N, C-alpha and C. Protein backbone atom coordinates (compact mmCIF):
# COMPACT_ATOMS: atom_id res chain seq x y z
N MET A 1 23.79 12.45 -168.50
CA MET A 1 24.31 10.87 -168.58
C MET A 1 22.83 10.02 -168.34
N ALA A 2 22.40 9.10 -169.10
CA ALA A 2 21.38 8.71 -169.01
C ALA A 2 21.39 7.49 -168.14
N LYS A 3 20.08 7.10 -167.28
CA LYS A 3 19.74 5.81 -166.55
C LYS A 3 19.48 5.04 -167.39
N SER A 4 19.77 3.26 -167.23
CA SER A 4 19.36 2.37 -167.34
C SER A 4 18.50 2.04 -166.51
N ALA A 5 18.50 0.83 -167.25
CA ALA A 5 17.14 0.76 -166.17
C ALA A 5 17.14 -0.46 -164.72
N LEU A 6 18.55 -0.62 -164.44
CA LEU A 6 19.03 -1.09 -163.23
C LEU A 6 19.15 0.07 -162.53
N ASP A 7 19.65 1.10 -163.42
CA ASP A 7 19.11 2.23 -162.56
C ASP A 7 18.11 2.81 -162.16
N TRP A 8 16.95 2.22 -162.85
CA TRP A 8 16.08 2.91 -162.33
C TRP A 8 15.66 1.93 -161.21
N ILE A 9 16.27 0.19 -161.37
CA ILE A 9 15.51 -0.46 -160.48
C ILE A 9 15.51 -0.80 -159.08
N ALA A 10 16.61 0.25 -159.45
CA ALA A 10 17.69 0.60 -157.71
C ALA A 10 16.81 1.76 -157.07
N LEU A 11 16.40 2.11 -157.64
CA LEU A 11 15.98 3.67 -157.83
C LEU A 11 14.29 3.89 -156.46
N ILE A 12 13.96 2.69 -157.38
CA ILE A 12 12.28 2.30 -156.81
C ILE A 12 12.46 1.44 -156.31
N LEU A 13 13.71 0.80 -155.68
CA LEU A 13 13.69 -0.31 -154.86
C LEU A 13 14.89 0.28 -153.67
N LEU A 14 15.38 1.91 -153.77
CA LEU A 14 15.21 2.09 -151.87
C LEU A 14 14.01 3.15 -152.18
N ILE A 15 13.24 3.72 -152.39
CA ILE A 15 12.50 4.37 -152.64
C ILE A 15 11.70 2.93 -151.61
N ILE A 16 11.46 2.39 -151.85
CA ILE A 16 10.49 1.12 -150.75
C ILE A 16 11.08 1.45 -150.16
N GLY A 17 12.84 1.43 -149.20
CA GLY A 17 12.67 0.64 -148.57
C GLY A 17 12.76 1.81 -147.35
N GLY A 18 12.91 3.11 -148.45
CA GLY A 18 12.89 4.23 -147.08
C GLY A 18 11.43 4.00 -146.76
N LEU A 19 10.64 4.14 -147.34
CA LEU A 19 8.87 3.67 -146.98
C LEU A 19 9.12 3.14 -145.95
N ASN A 20 9.54 2.19 -146.39
CA ASN A 20 9.39 0.99 -144.76
C ASN A 20 10.06 1.68 -143.95
N TRP A 21 11.33 1.97 -144.12
CA TRP A 21 12.34 2.64 -142.66
C TRP A 21 11.42 3.40 -141.72
N GLY A 22 11.07 4.28 -143.20
CA GLY A 22 9.96 5.60 -142.25
C GLY A 22 8.82 4.72 -142.02
N LEU A 23 7.75 3.84 -141.86
CA LEU A 23 6.51 3.59 -141.82
C LEU A 23 6.91 2.56 -140.46
N VAL A 24 8.42 1.77 -139.88
CA VAL A 24 8.90 1.68 -138.61
C VAL A 24 8.91 2.39 -138.03
N GLY A 25 9.80 3.15 -138.37
CA GLY A 25 10.30 4.79 -137.40
C GLY A 25 9.28 5.13 -136.69
N VAL A 26 8.33 5.98 -137.54
CA VAL A 26 7.19 6.57 -137.07
C VAL A 26 5.88 5.72 -136.65
N PHE A 27 5.74 4.76 -137.28
CA PHE A 27 3.94 4.26 -137.14
C PHE A 27 4.62 2.18 -136.17
N GLU A 28 6.16 2.08 -136.44
CA GLU A 28 6.10 0.09 -135.96
C GLU A 28 5.53 -0.50 -136.42
N TYR A 29 5.25 -0.27 -137.72
CA TYR A 29 4.44 -0.71 -138.85
C TYR A 29 5.43 -0.96 -140.54
N ASP A 30 5.93 -1.99 -140.64
CA ASP A 30 7.27 -2.91 -141.30
C ASP A 30 5.99 -3.22 -142.76
N LEU A 31 5.93 -2.61 -143.62
CA LEU A 31 5.00 -2.85 -144.91
C LEU A 31 4.95 -4.29 -145.60
N VAL A 32 6.29 -4.37 -146.27
CA VAL A 32 6.35 -5.87 -146.46
C VAL A 32 6.97 -6.79 -145.31
N ALA A 33 6.86 -6.94 -144.22
CA ALA A 33 6.50 -8.16 -143.89
C ALA A 33 4.71 -8.15 -143.98
N ALA A 34 4.32 -7.45 -144.35
CA ALA A 34 2.83 -7.17 -143.89
C ALA A 34 2.51 -7.39 -145.08
N LEU A 35 2.69 -7.00 -146.20
CA LEU A 35 2.54 -7.80 -146.93
C LEU A 35 2.92 -8.84 -147.35
N PHE A 36 4.31 -9.23 -147.11
CA PHE A 36 4.80 -11.06 -147.52
C PHE A 36 5.09 -11.46 -146.99
N GLY A 37 4.07 -10.90 -145.49
CA GLY A 37 4.80 -12.59 -143.50
C GLY A 37 6.21 -11.99 -143.66
N VAL A 38 6.83 -13.46 -143.69
CA VAL A 38 8.02 -13.09 -142.39
C VAL A 38 8.76 -14.40 -143.14
N GLY A 39 8.68 -14.78 -144.25
CA GLY A 39 8.69 -15.60 -144.77
C GLY A 39 10.37 -15.33 -145.87
N VAL A 40 10.59 -16.98 -146.94
CA VAL A 40 11.25 -16.49 -147.95
C VAL A 40 11.41 -14.88 -149.35
N VAL A 41 9.76 -14.98 -149.22
CA VAL A 41 9.87 -13.10 -149.81
C VAL A 41 9.98 -12.89 -149.27
N ALA A 42 9.59 -11.80 -148.07
CA ALA A 42 9.81 -11.28 -147.30
C ALA A 42 11.45 -10.73 -146.70
N LYS A 43 12.72 -11.85 -147.45
CA LYS A 43 13.82 -11.65 -147.07
C LYS A 43 14.04 -11.70 -148.28
N THR A 44 13.98 -11.98 -148.81
CA THR A 44 14.19 -11.91 -150.77
C THR A 44 14.20 -10.24 -151.00
N VAL A 45 12.66 -9.47 -150.93
CA VAL A 45 12.57 -7.96 -151.11
C VAL A 45 13.91 -7.26 -149.96
N TYR A 46 14.12 -8.00 -148.53
CA TYR A 46 15.44 -7.12 -147.88
C TYR A 46 16.36 -6.45 -148.68
N ASP A 47 17.06 -8.23 -149.18
CA ASP A 47 18.39 -8.69 -149.80
C ASP A 47 18.49 -7.53 -151.30
N LEU A 48 17.04 -7.63 -151.91
CA LEU A 48 16.77 -6.96 -153.11
C LEU A 48 17.25 -5.30 -152.78
N VAL A 49 16.72 -4.74 -151.76
CA VAL A 49 16.52 -2.66 -151.80
C VAL A 49 18.30 -2.94 -150.96
N GLY A 50 18.83 -3.75 -150.34
CA GLY A 50 20.32 -4.02 -149.73
C GLY A 50 21.00 -3.70 -150.44
N LEU A 51 20.90 -4.98 -152.39
CA LEU A 51 21.74 -4.40 -153.21
C LEU A 51 21.44 -3.68 -153.56
N ALA A 52 20.71 -2.68 -154.31
CA ALA A 52 20.51 -1.69 -154.57
C ALA A 52 20.51 -0.14 -154.05
N ALA A 53 21.00 -0.79 -152.67
CA ALA A 53 22.16 0.72 -151.88
C ALA A 53 23.38 0.36 -152.03
N LEU A 54 23.79 -0.79 -152.40
CA LEU A 54 25.46 -1.52 -153.16
C LEU A 54 25.33 -0.87 -153.84
N TYR A 55 24.36 -1.25 -155.11
CA TYR A 55 23.97 -0.27 -156.63
C TYR A 55 24.19 1.00 -156.32
N THR A 56 23.82 1.59 -155.63
CA THR A 56 24.01 3.51 -155.42
C THR A 56 25.11 3.25 -155.07
N ILE A 57 25.39 2.93 -154.13
CA ILE A 57 26.76 3.89 -153.65
C ILE A 57 28.19 3.46 -155.51
N TYR A 58 27.53 2.76 -155.61
CA TYR A 58 28.25 3.02 -156.41
C TYR A 58 28.06 3.27 -157.85
N TYR A 59 26.54 3.48 -157.98
CA TYR A 59 26.95 4.34 -159.07
C TYR A 59 27.02 5.88 -158.94
N LEU A 60 27.40 6.55 -157.35
CA LEU A 60 27.44 7.81 -156.68
C LEU A 60 28.59 7.95 -157.22
N PHE A 61 29.35 6.94 -157.39
CA PHE A 61 30.89 7.13 -157.84
C PHE A 61 31.73 7.18 -159.35
N LYS A 62 30.88 6.24 -160.11
CA LYS A 62 31.06 5.84 -161.23
C LYS A 62 31.48 6.82 -162.17
């Protein structure tokens, strides 16, 4: 099955989220917060990563 653009976006967001959590776990360094601060932009990135995870759960079972 070919991946759509949405599938690729979700995958990239999950990779970003996973790497960020790895940095938080190992080095206690939040890259998203460092790049975007603690405001609306960082919250939006976190929200998009969460939505990507939910979409990936859907994708897994379709």
